[in-house]
Amino acid sequence: MAVFSRRVPADIVARVLAVMGMVCAGFLAFILFTSGPFARTLPAFPVEGRDLNPLLQTRG
Protein backbone atom coordinates (compact mmCIF):
# COMPACT_ATOMS: atom_id res chain seq x y z
CA MET A 1 0.00 0.00 0.00
CA ALA A 2 2.81 2.40 0.82
CA VAL A 3 4.44 1.84 -2.58
CA PHE A 4 1.28 2.73 -4.49
CA SER A 5 0.23 5.59 -2.24
CA ARG A 6 2.48 8.06 -4.07
CA ARG A 7 0.23 7.90 -7.13
CA VAL A 8 -3.07 7.72 -5.27
CA PRO A 9 -4.62 10.85 -3.75
CA ALA A 10 -4.34 11.16 0.02
CA ASP A 11 -8.11 11.13 0.61
CA ILE A 12 -8.45 7.76 -1.17
CA VAL A 13 -5.56 6.31 0.83
CA ALA A 14 -7.18 7.52 4.05
CA ARG A 15 -10.51 5.92 3.13
CA VAL A 16 -8.89 2.63 2.15
CA LEU A 17 -6.91 2.51 5.39
CA ALA A 18 -10.06 3.32 7.37
CA VAL A 19 -11.97 0.48 5.71
CA MET A 20 -9.09 -1.93 6.28
CA GLY A 21 -8.97 -0.89 9.93
CA MET A 22 -12.71 -1.42 10.35
CA VAL A 23 -12.49 -4.87 8.75
CA CYS A 24 -9.64 -5.82 11.08
CA ALA A 25 -11.50 -4.46 14.12
CA GLY A 26 -14.66 -6.32 13.12
CA PHE A 27 -12.77 -9.56 12.65
CA LEU A 28 -11.06 -9.14 16.02
CA ALA A 29 -14.40 -8.41 17.72
CA PHE A 30 -15.92 -11.48 16.08
CA ILE A 31 -13.07 -13.67 17.30
CA LEU A 32 -13.17 -12.30 20.84
CA PHE A 33 -16.94 -12.36 21.37
CA THR A 34 -17.87 -15.63 19.64
CA SER A 35 -15.17 -17.93 20.95
CA GLY A 36 -14.73 -19.23 24.45
CA PRO A 37 -10.98 -19.63 24.87
CA PHE A 38 -11.40 -21.56 28.12
CA ALA A 39 -14.34 -23.71 27.04
CA ARG A 40 -13.48 -27.35 26.61
CA THR A 41 -14.01 -28.69 23.13
CA LEU A 42 -13.54 -32.32 24.17
CA PRO A 43 -15.05 -34.28 27.04
CA ALA A 44 -12.89 -34.87 30.12
CA PHE A 45 -11.99 -38.36 28.89
CA PRO A 46 -12.51 -39.93 25.48
CA VAL A 47 -15.33 -42.41 25.19
CA GLU A 48 -13.31 -44.79 23.04
CA GLY A 49 -9.65 -45.56 23.50
CA ARG A 50 -9.43 -45.23 27.27
CA ASP A 51 -7.44 -48.43 27.57
CA LEU A 52 -4.26 -49.56 25.89
CA ASN A 53 -4.58 -50.94 22.41
CA PRO A 54 -4.47 -54.77 22.70
CA LEU A 55 -2.62 -55.05 19.39
CA LEU A 56 0.23 -52.96 20.77
CA GLN A 57 0.58 -54.81 24.09
CA THR A 58 3.25 -57.49 24.46
CA ARG A 59 2.13 -60.90 25.67
CA GLY A 60 4.16 -62.38 28.43
PDB file of N, CA and C in Angstrom:
ATOM      1  N   MET A   1       0.831  -1.191   0.000  1.00  0.00           N
ATOM      2  CA  MET A   1       0.000   0.000   0.000  1.00  0.00           C
ATOM      3  C   MET A   1       0.864   1.238   0.000  1.00  0.00           C
ATOM      4  N   ALA A   2       1.955   1.220   0.742  1.00  0.00           N
ATOM      5  CA  ALA A   2       2.813   2.399   0.822  1.00  0.00           C
ATOM      6  C   ALA A   2       3.496   2.677  -0.506  1.00  0.00           C
ATOM      7  N   VAL A   3       3.774   1.644  -1.289  1.00  0.00           N
ATOM      8  CA  VAL A   3       4.436   1.837  -2.578  1.00  0.00           C
ATOM      9  C   VAL A   3       3.505   2.537  -3.548  1.00  0.00           C
ATOM     10  N   PHE A   4       2.238   2.166  -3.543  1.00  0.00           N
ATOM     11  CA  PHE A   4       1.285   2.728  -4.490  1.00  0.00           C
ATOM     12  C   PHE A   4       0.674   4.037  -4.001  1.00  0.00           C
ATOM     13  N   SER A   5       0.894   4.402  -2.766  1.00  0.00           N
ATOM     14  CA  SER A   5       0.231   5.591  -2.236  1.00  0.00           C
ATOM     15  C   SER A   5       0.799   6.886  -2.797  1.00  0.00           C
ATOM     16  N   ARG A   6       1.929   6.841  -3.458  1.00  0.00           N
ATOM     17  CA  ARG A   6       2.477   8.059  -4.069  1.00  0.00           C
ATOM     18  C   ARG A   6       1.619   8.515  -5.242  1.00  0.00           C
ATOM     19  N   ARG A   7       1.033   7.555  -5.952  1.00  0.00           N
ATOM     20  CA  ARG A   7       0.230   7.897  -7.128  1.00  0.00           C
ATOM     21  C   ARG A   7      -1.243   8.083  -6.811  1.00  0.00           C
ATOM     22  N   VAL A   8      -1.667   7.637  -5.649  1.00  0.00           N
ATOM     23  CA  VAL A   8      -3.074   7.716  -5.268  1.00  0.00           C
ATOM     24  C   VAL A   8      -3.269   8.944  -4.385  1.00  0.00           C
ATOM     25  N   PRO A   9      -4.364   9.671  -4.596  1.00  0.00           N
ATOM     26  CA  PRO A   9      -4.622  10.853  -3.748  1.00  0.00           C
ATOM     27  C   PRO A   9      -4.737  10.475  -2.272  1.00  0.00           C
ATOM     28  N   ALA A  10      -4.385  11.410  -1.421  1.00  0.00           N
ATOM     29  CA  ALA A  10      -4.340  11.162   0.021  1.00  0.00           C
ATOM     30  C   ALA A  10      -5.715  10.830   0.596  1.00  0.00           C
ATOM     31  N   ASP A  11      -6.786  11.424   0.061  1.00  0.00           N
ATOM     32  CA  ASP A  11      -8.112  11.128   0.608  1.00  0.00           C
ATOM     33  C   ASP A  11      -8.536   9.688   0.311  1.00  0.00           C
ATOM     34  N   ILE A  12      -8.141   9.156  -0.837  1.00  0.00           N
ATOM     35  CA  ILE A  12      -8.454   7.761  -1.168  1.00  0.00           C
ATOM     36  C   ILE A  12      -7.660   6.816  -0.263  1.00  0.00           C
ATOM     37  N   VAL A  13      -6.394   7.134  -0.046  1.00  0.00           N
ATOM     38  CA  VAL A  13      -5.564   6.309   0.833  1.00  0.00           C
ATOM     39  C   VAL A  13      -6.145   6.298   2.241  1.00  0.00           C
ATOM     40  N   ALA A  14      -6.602   7.444   2.709  1.00  0.00           N
ATOM     41  CA  ALA A  14      -7.183   7.523   4.047  1.00  0.00           C
ATOM     42  C   ALA A  14      -8.449   6.677   4.139  1.00  0.00           C
ATOM     43  N   ARG A  15      -9.280   6.716   3.114  1.00  0.00           N
ATOM     44  CA  ARG A  15     -10.508   5.915   3.126  1.00  0.00           C
ATOM     45  C   ARG A  15     -10.208   4.422   3.079  1.00  0.00           C
ATOM     46  N   VAL A  16      -9.249   4.047   2.253  1.00  0.00           N
ATOM     47  CA  VAL A  16      -8.889   2.629   2.153  1.00  0.00           C
ATOM     48  C   VAL A  16      -8.337   2.129   3.482  1.00  0.00           C
ATOM     49  N   LEU A  17      -7.466   2.907   4.097  1.00  0.00           N
ATOM     50  CA  LEU A  17      -6.914   2.508   5.386  1.00  0.00           C
ATOM     51  C   LEU A  17      -7.993   2.457   6.466  1.00  0.00           C
ATOM     52  N   ALA A  18      -8.962   3.351   6.403  1.00  0.00           N
ATOM     53  CA  ALA A  18     -10.058   3.322   7.373  1.00  0.00           C
ATOM     54  C   ALA A  18     -10.900   2.059   7.207  1.00  0.00           C
ATOM     55  N   VAL A  19     -11.189   1.701   5.967  1.00  0.00           N
ATOM     56  CA  VAL A  19     -11.973   0.484   5.710  1.00  0.00           C
ATOM     57  C   VAL A  19     -11.197  -0.751   6.156  1.00  0.00           C
ATOM     58  N   MET A  20      -9.908  -0.790   5.855  1.00  0.00           N
ATOM     59  CA  MET A  20      -9.092  -1.928   6.282  1.00  0.00           C
ATOM     60  C   MET A  20      -9.044  -2.024   7.803  1.00  0.00           C
ATOM     61  N   GLY A  21      -8.961  -0.894   8.473  1.00  0.00           N
ATOM     62  CA  GLY A  21      -8.967  -0.893   9.932  1.00  0.00           C
ATOM     63  C   GLY A  21     -10.286  -1.376  10.498  1.00  0.00           C
ATOM     64  N   MET A  22     -11.395  -0.961   9.877  1.00  0.00           N
ATOM     65  CA  MET A  22     -12.708  -1.415  10.347  1.00  0.00           C
ATOM     66  C   MET A  22     -12.889  -2.914  10.127  1.00  0.00           C
ATOM     67  N   VAL A  23     -12.402  -3.426   9.007  1.00  0.00           N
ATOM     68  CA  VAL A  23     -12.494  -4.867   8.751  1.00  0.00           C
ATOM     69  C   VAL A  23     -11.676  -5.631   9.782  1.00  0.00           C
ATOM     70  N   CYS A  24     -10.477  -5.158  10.067  1.00  0.00           N
ATOM     71  CA  CYS A  24      -9.637  -5.816  11.085  1.00  0.00           C
ATOM     72  C   CYS A  24     -10.285  -5.744  12.466  1.00  0.00           C
ATOM     73  N   ALA A  25     -10.843  -4.604  12.817  1.00  0.00           N
ATOM     74  CA  ALA A  25     -11.498  -4.462  14.120  1.00  0.00           C
ATOM     75  C   ALA A  25     -12.735  -5.358  14.206  1.00  0.00           C
ATOM     76  N   GLY A  26     -13.499  -5.446  13.134  1.00  0.00           N
ATOM     77  CA  GLY A  26     -14.664  -6.323  13.116  1.00  0.00           C
ATOM     78  C   GLY A  26     -14.280  -7.784  13.245  1.00  0.00           C
ATOM     79  N   PHE A  27     -13.230  -8.178  12.554  1.00  0.00           N
ATOM     80  CA  PHE A  27     -12.769  -9.560  12.654  1.00  0.00           C
ATOM     81  C   PHE A  27     -12.273  -9.860  14.059  1.00  0.00           C
ATOM     82  N   LEU A  28     -11.542  -8.952  14.658  1.00  0.00           N
ATOM     83  CA  LEU A  28     -11.057  -9.142  16.022  1.00  0.00           C
ATOM     84  C   LEU A  28     -12.219  -9.227  17.009  1.00  0.00           C
ATOM     85  N   ALA A  29     -13.226  -8.367  16.845  1.00  0.00           N
ATOM     86  CA  ALA A  29     -14.396  -8.410  17.723  1.00  0.00           C
ATOM     87  C   ALA A  29     -15.144  -9.731  17.556  1.00  0.00           C
ATOM     88  N   PHE A  30     -15.262 -10.200  16.330  1.00  0.00           N
ATOM     89  CA  PHE A  30     -15.923 -11.485  16.079  1.00  0.00           C
ATOM     90  C   PHE A  30     -15.185 -12.617  16.776  1.00  0.00           C
ATOM     91  N   ILE A  31     -13.870 -12.623  16.663  1.00  0.00           N
ATOM     92  CA  ILE A  31     -13.066 -13.669  17.298  1.00  0.00           C
ATOM     93  C   ILE A  31     -13.211 -13.615  18.814  1.00  0.00           C
ATOM     94  N   LEU A  32     -13.143 -12.431  19.392  1.00  0.00           N
ATOM     95  CA  LEU A  32     -13.175 -12.300  20.845  1.00  0.00           C
ATOM     96  C   LEU A  32     -14.537 -12.616  21.446  1.00  0.00           C
ATOM     97  N   PHE A  33     -15.616 -12.221  20.775  1.00  0.00           N
ATOM     98  CA  PHE A  33     -16.941 -12.364  21.367  1.00  0.00           C
ATOM     99  C   PHE A  33     -17.632 -13.679  21.031  1.00  0.00           C
ATOM    100  N   THR A  34     -17.188 -14.388  20.009  1.00  0.00           N
ATOM    101  CA  THR A  34     -17.871 -15.627  19.641  1.00  0.00           C
ATOM    102  C   THR A  34     -17.138 -16.869  20.099  1.00  0.00           C
ATOM    103  N   SER A  35     -15.908 -16.746  20.516  1.00  0.00           N
ATOM    104  CA  SER A  35     -15.167 -17.930  20.947  1.00  0.00           C
ATOM    105  C   SER A  35     -14.980 -17.913  22.449  1.00  0.00           C
ATOM    106  N   GLY A  36     -15.020 -19.082  23.032  1.00  0.00           N
ATOM    107  CA  GLY A  36     -14.730 -19.230  24.450  1.00  0.00           C
ATOM    108  C   GLY A  36     -13.343 -19.847  24.590  1.00  0.00           C
ATOM    109  N   PRO A  37     -12.331 -19.061  24.862  1.00  0.00           N
ATOM    110  CA  PRO A  37     -10.980 -19.628  24.872  1.00  0.00           C
ATOM    111  C   PRO A  37     -10.766 -20.651  25.979  1.00  0.00           C
ATOM    112  N   PHE A  38     -11.569 -20.615  27.033  1.00  0.00           N
ATOM    113  CA  PHE A  38     -11.399 -21.556  28.125  1.00  0.00           C
ATOM    114  C   PHE A  38     -12.463 -22.649  28.123  1.00  0.00           C
ATOM    115  N   ALA A  39     -13.326 -22.660  27.140  1.00  0.00           N
ATOM    116  CA  ALA A  39     -14.339 -23.712  27.038  1.00  0.00           C
ATOM    117  C   ALA A  39     -13.689 -24.978  26.489  1.00  0.00           C
ATOM    118  N   ARG A  40     -14.054 -26.079  27.071  1.00  0.00           N
ATOM    119  CA  ARG A  40     -13.484 -27.347  26.609  1.00  0.00           C
ATOM    120  C   ARG A  40     -14.194 -27.782  25.335  1.00  0.00           C
ATOM    121  N   THR A  41     -13.423 -28.200  24.372  1.00  0.00           N
ATOM    122  CA  THR A  41     -14.008 -28.692  23.132  1.00  0.00           C
ATOM    123  C   THR A  41     -14.160 -30.204  23.151  1.00  0.00           C
ATOM    124  N   LEU A  42     -13.451 -30.867  24.052  1.00  0.00           N
ATOM    125  CA  LEU A  42     -13.538 -32.318  24.165  1.00  0.00           C
ATOM    126  C   LEU A  42     -14.053 -32.683  25.548  1.00  0.00           C
ATOM    127  N   PRO A  43     -14.657 -33.852  25.689  1.00  0.00           N
ATOM    128  CA  PRO A  43     -15.048 -34.279  27.037  1.00  0.00           C
ATOM    129  C   PRO A  43     -13.803 -34.521  27.893  1.00  0.00           C
ATOM    130  N   ALA A  44     -14.012 -34.698  29.198  1.00  0.00           N
ATOM    131  CA  ALA A  44     -12.890 -34.870  30.122  1.00  0.00           C
ATOM    132  C   ALA A  44     -12.068 -36.111  29.780  1.00  0.00           C
ATOM    133  N   PHE A  45     -12.706 -37.153  29.308  1.00  0.00           N
ATOM    134  CA  PHE A  45     -11.986 -38.360  28.894  1.00  0.00           C
ATOM    135  C   PHE A  45     -12.663 -38.880  27.632  1.00  0.00           C
ATOM    136  N   PRO A  46     -11.900 -39.422  26.718  1.00  0.00           N
ATOM    137  CA  PRO A  46     -12.506 -39.926  25.484  1.00  0.00           C
ATOM    138  C   PRO A  46     -13.359 -41.159  25.751  1.00  0.00           C
ATOM    139  N   VAL A  47     -14.428 -41.280  25.021  1.00  0.00           N
ATOM    140  CA  VAL A  47     -15.332 -42.413  25.193  1.00  0.00           C
ATOM    141  C   VAL A  47     -14.662 -43.692  24.714  1.00  0.00           C
ATOM    142  N   GLU A  48     -14.009 -43.625  23.572  1.00  0.00           N
ATOM    143  CA  GLU A  48     -13.308 -44.788  23.036  1.00  0.00           C
ATOM    144  C   GLU A  48     -11.809 -44.578  23.214  1.00  0.00           C
ATOM    145  N   GLY A  49     -11.090 -45.652  23.411  1.00  0.00           N
ATOM    146  CA  GLY A  49      -9.647 -45.562  23.501  1.00  0.00           C
ATOM    147  C   GLY A  49      -9.118 -45.223  24.875  1.00  0.00           C
ATOM    148  N   ARG A  50      -9.897 -45.515  25.912  1.00  0.00           N
ATOM    149  CA  ARG A  50      -9.427 -45.228  27.267  1.00  0.00           C
ATOM    150  C   ARG A  50      -8.348 -46.207  27.708  1.00  0.00           C
ATOM    151  N   ASP A  51      -8.377 -47.396  27.157  1.00  0.00           N
ATOM    152  CA  ASP A  51      -7.441 -48.428  27.572  1.00  0.00           C
ATOM    153  C   ASP A  51      -6.338 -48.549  26.524  1.00  0.00           C
ATOM    154  N   LEU A  52      -5.326 -49.325  26.846  1.00  0.00           N
ATOM    155  CA  LEU A  52      -4.261 -49.562  25.890  1.00  0.00           C
ATOM    156  C   LEU A  52      -4.783 -50.394  24.730  1.00  0.00           C
ATOM    157  N   ASN A  53      -4.203 -50.188  23.584  1.00  0.00           N
ATOM    158  CA  ASN A  53      -4.579 -50.944  22.405  1.00  0.00           C
ATOM    159  C   ASN A  53      -4.059 -52.369  22.557  1.00  0.00           C
ATOM    160  N   PRO A  54      -4.929 -53.397  22.513  1.00  0.00           N
ATOM    161  CA  PRO A  54      -4.471 -54.773  22.703  1.00  0.00           C
ATOM    162  C   PRO A  54      -3.486 -55.222  21.627  1.00  0.00           C
ATOM    163  N   LEU A  55      -3.551 -54.664  20.447  1.00  0.00           N
ATOM    164  CA  LEU A  55      -2.619 -55.051  19.392  1.00  0.00           C
ATOM    165  C   LEU A  55      -1.210 -54.555  19.674  1.00  0.00           C
ATOM    166  N   LEU A  56      -1.075 -53.526  20.481  1.00  0.00           N
ATOM    167  CA  LEU A  56       0.234 -52.961  20.771  1.00  0.00           C
ATOM    168  C   LEU A  56       0.822 -53.475  22.077  1.00  0.00           C
ATOM    169  N   GLN A  57       0.073 -54.275  22.828  1.00  0.00           N
ATOM    170  CA  GLN A  57       0.579 -54.812  24.086  1.00  0.00           C
ATOM    171  C   GLN A  57       1.383 -56.081  23.826  1.00  0.00           C
ATOM    172  N   THR A  58       2.454 -56.267  24.600  1.00  0.00           N
ATOM    173  CA  THR A  58       3.247 -57.491  24.463  1.00  0.00           C
ATOM    174  C   THR A  58       2.675 -58.568  25.368  1.00  0.00           C
ATOM    175  N   ARG A  59       2.639 -59.767  24.893  1.00  0.00           N
ATOM    176  CA  ARG A  59       2.135 -60.900  25.671  1.00  0.00           C
ATOM    177  C   ARG A  59       3.306 -61.524  26.428  1.00  0.00           C
ATOM    178  N   GLY A  60       3.145 -61.656  27.704  1.00  0.00           N
ATOM    179  CA  GLY A  60       4.162 -62.380  28.430  1.00  0.00           C
ATOM    180  C   GLY A  60       4.804 -61.694  29.525  1.00  0.00           C
TER     181      GLY A  60
END
